[in-house]
Protein backbone atom coordinates (compact mmCIF):
# COMPACT_ATOMS: atom_id res chain seq x y z
CA MET A 1 -74.84 -105.20 -22.47
CA ILE A 2 -73.71 -102.95 -19.65
CA VAL A 3 -70.13 -101.68 -19.65
CA GLU A 4 -68.84 -99.96 -16.51
CA ILE A 5 -65.47 -98.57 -15.50
CA GLU A 6 -64.32 -97.23 -12.13
CA CYS A 7 -62.08 -94.20 -12.06
CA ALA A 8 -59.05 -95.58 -10.29
CA ALA A 9 -56.17 -93.30 -11.20
CA PRO A 10 -53.06 -93.44 -9.05
CA HIS A 11 -53.11 -91.22 -5.95
CA GLY A 12 -56.86 -90.54 -6.22
CA ARG A 13 -56.59 -88.32 -9.28
CA GLN A 14 -59.74 -87.33 -11.07
CA LEU A 15 -60.60 -88.22 -14.65
CA PHE A 16 -61.76 -85.49 -17.00
CA PHE A 17 -64.31 -87.42 -19.06
CA ARG A 18 -64.60 -85.55 -22.36
CA PRO A 19 -68.10 -86.68 -23.43
CA ILE A 20 -69.63 -84.93 -20.40
CA GLY A 21 -67.03 -82.18 -20.02
CA LYS A 22 -66.68 -82.87 -16.28
CA ARG A 23 -64.26 -84.37 -13.82
CA VAL A 24 -65.14 -87.73 -12.32
CA ARG A 25 -63.73 -88.60 -8.87
CA GLY A 26 -61.08 -91.31 -8.76
CA ARG A 27 -60.55 -93.99 -6.14
CA VAL A 28 -58.76 -92.65 -3.04
CA HIS A 29 -56.69 -94.95 -0.86
CA LEU A 30 -54.11 -93.26 1.30
CA THR A 31 -51.14 -95.48 1.97
CA GLY A 32 -49.33 -93.18 4.38
CA ARG A 33 -46.28 -92.24 2.36
CA SER A 34 -45.95 -88.88 4.12
CA GLU A 35 -46.64 -88.01 7.75
CA ALA A 36 -49.80 -86.09 6.78
CA GLU A 37 -51.05 -89.07 4.75
CA ARG A 38 -50.30 -91.46 7.63
CA GLN A 39 -52.41 -89.36 9.99
CA ILE A 40 -55.32 -89.28 7.55
CA ALA A 41 -54.91 -92.99 6.70
CA GLU A 42 -55.29 -93.87 10.40
CA ARG A 43 -58.72 -92.19 10.41
CA TRP A 44 -59.69 -93.37 6.88
CA PRO A 45 -58.18 -96.84 6.45
CA ASP A 46 -60.69 -97.98 3.84
CA PRO A 47 -60.42 -96.78 0.25
CA VAL A 48 -63.05 -94.39 -1.07
CA PRO A 49 -64.31 -95.92 -4.33
CA GLY A 50 -64.06 -93.93 -7.52
CA GLN A 51 -67.17 -92.89 -9.41
CA ILE A 52 -68.39 -95.30 -12.06
CA ILE A 53 -68.94 -94.43 -15.71
CA GLY A 54 -71.37 -96.71 -17.49
CA VAL A 55 -73.07 -97.39 -20.80
CA ASP A 56 -75.96 -99.72 -21.59
CA THR A 57 -75.23 -100.59 -25.21
CA ASP A 58 -78.71 -102.10 -25.68
CA THR A 59 -80.68 -99.01 -24.62
CA GLY A 60 -78.09 -96.31 -25.32
CA GLU A 61 -78.26 -95.08 -21.71
CA LYS A 62 -75.09 -93.34 -20.50
CA TYR A 63 -74.45 -92.43 -16.87
CA VAL A 64 -72.09 -91.64 -14.01
CA ARG A 65 -72.89 -93.57 -10.84
CA GLU A 66 -71.81 -92.77 -7.26
CA PRO A 67 -70.89 -96.04 -5.48
CA LEU A 68 -71.04 -94.41 -2.03
CA HIS A 69 -74.82 -94.83 -2.30
CA ASP A 70 -74.37 -98.63 -2.53
CA ARG A 71 -75.21 -100.66 0.57
CA GLU A 72 -71.63 -101.97 0.87
CA HIS A 73 -70.31 -98.42 1.32
CA ALA A 74 -73.03 -97.18 3.72
CA ALA A 75 -70.66 -96.73 6.68
CA LEU A 76 -68.21 -94.77 4.55
CA ALA A 77 -71.05 -92.59 3.20
CA ARG A 78 -72.17 -91.83 6.78
CA ARG A 79 -68.62 -90.74 7.65
CA VAL A 80 -68.49 -88.44 4.63
CA ARG A 81 -71.87 -86.91 5.52
CA GLY A 82 -70.69 -86.57 9.12
CA LEU A 83 -68.03 -84.19 7.88
CA GLY A 84 -70.78 -81.99 6.47
CA LYS A 85 -70.08 -83.08 2.91
CA GLU A 86 -72.83 -83.87 0.44
CA LEU A 87 -72.64 -86.94 -1.75
CA PRO A 88 -73.02 -86.53 -5.50
CA PRO A 89 -76.31 -87.87 -6.90
CA GLU A 90 -76.65 -91.65 -6.93
CA ARG A 91 -76.81 -91.64 -10.72
CA GLU A 92 -76.65 -88.93 -13.37
CA ASN A 93 -77.82 -89.79 -16.88
CA TYR A 94 -76.29 -88.03 -19.87
CA PRO A 95 -78.14 -87.97 -23.19
CA SER A 96 -75.29 -86.12 -24.91
CA GLU A 97 -72.86 -87.77 -27.31
CA SER A 98 -73.10 -91.20 -28.86
CA VAL A 99 -72.55 -94.56 -27.23
CA SER A 100 -69.50 -94.96 -29.50
CA SER A 101 -67.98 -91.73 -28.13
CA TRP A 102 -68.49 -92.89 -24.55
CA LEU A 103 -67.01 -96.33 -25.26
CA PHE A 104 -64.04 -94.78 -27.09
CA TRP A 105 -63.18 -92.50 -24.13
CA MET A 106 -63.87 -95.27 -21.61
CA ARG A 107 -61.33 -97.47 -23.44
CA ARG A 108 -58.80 -94.62 -23.42
CA ALA A 109 -59.22 -94.29 -19.64
CA VAL A 110 -58.76 -98.03 -19.07
CA ASP A 111 -55.79 -98.30 -21.45
CA SER A 112 -54.06 -95.35 -19.75
CA GLY A 113 -54.49 -96.85 -16.28
CA THR A 114 -56.80 -94.05 -15.15
CA ALA A 115 -59.74 -96.44 -14.84
CA LYS A 116 -60.40 -100.14 -14.50
CA LEU A 117 -63.04 -102.18 -16.26
CA LEU A 118 -65.70 -103.45 -13.84
CA THR A 119 -68.45 -104.90 -16.00
CA GLY A 120 -68.75 -106.04 -19.61
CA THR A 121 -66.24 -105.57 -22.38
CA ILE A 122 -65.49 -102.56 -24.52
CA PRO A 123 -65.87 -103.70 -28.13
CA ASP A 124 -62.94 -103.30 -30.50
CA LYS A 125 -65.26 -102.21 -33.32
CA LEU A 126 -67.59 -99.37 -32.43
CA PRO A 127 -71.04 -98.99 -34.05
CA GLU A 128 -70.18 -95.54 -35.43
CA GLU A 129 -67.31 -93.06 -35.57
CA PRO A 130 -66.76 -91.60 -32.06
CA ARG A 131 -66.25 -87.93 -31.41
CA LYS A 132 -62.56 -87.52 -30.62
CA ASN A 133 -62.17 -83.75 -30.72
CA TYR A 134 -63.88 -81.59 -28.10
CA ILE A 135 -61.96 -78.41 -28.76
CA THR A 136 -63.43 -77.57 -32.15
CA SER A 137 -66.74 -78.48 -33.73
CA PRO A 138 -66.82 -81.55 -35.95
CA VAL A 139 -66.03 -80.66 -39.55
CA LYS A 140 -68.19 -82.13 -42.29
CA SER A 141 -66.52 -83.37 -45.44
CA ARG A 142 -67.29 -81.70 -48.75
CA ASP A 143 -69.05 -84.86 -49.87
CA GLY A 144 -71.20 -84.79 -46.73
CA VAL A 145 -72.16 -81.15 -47.23
CA LEU A 146 -72.96 -81.80 -50.90
CA ALA A 147 -75.05 -84.86 -50.02
CA GLU A 148 -77.04 -82.86 -47.44
CA ALA A 149 -77.64 -80.05 -49.96
CA LEU A 150 -78.80 -82.48 -52.67
CA THR A 151 -81.11 -84.23 -50.20
CA ALA A 152 -82.63 -80.89 -49.16
CA LEU A 153 -83.07 -79.94 -52.82
CA ALA A 154 -84.76 -83.28 -53.60
CA ARG A 155 -87.16 -82.79 -50.66
CA ALA A 156 -88.00 -79.26 -51.85
CA VAL A 157 -88.72 -80.54 -55.38
CA GLU A 158 -90.94 -83.32 -54.00
CA SER A 159 -92.80 -80.80 -51.87
CA LEU A 160 -93.40 -78.56 -54.92
CA LYS A 161 -94.61 -81.54 -56.98
CA ARG A 162 -97.15 -82.45 -54.29
CA LYS A 163 -98.48 -78.89 -54.20
CA ALA A 164 -98.84 -78.69 -57.99
């Protein structure tokens, strides 16, 4: 199943998506609240879609997609290029982090109003524990460290038995 969200924060704000450690562009639609915005809105009446964060839960593929490469936004993409700006890649795949971590942070973005769900559903129960802390390294429990040490010891003993 494919799950996709569009970054659609108010006022075109960007979303810092923790699993990739990068900002993702939000939807921009100037409504002309100030004089400067009104002048820009006259030249850019159509909204610029936000980038799309997606996960294929069947294959484990995780990506950020640029909708300006889609056929429906071709005229808008030409205008952006006409300003001498380069579009981000059509799609960037990210092998880092687990599907559960991506889904967890995608849900947080949708629940906070920073993104909207486009495709699929974000499951309530994730397949594994997501990474929630990106400031410090994950800490292993004592039981986990002990289990890893005992497993390594058992492998070493098996290896010695085979050699003998």
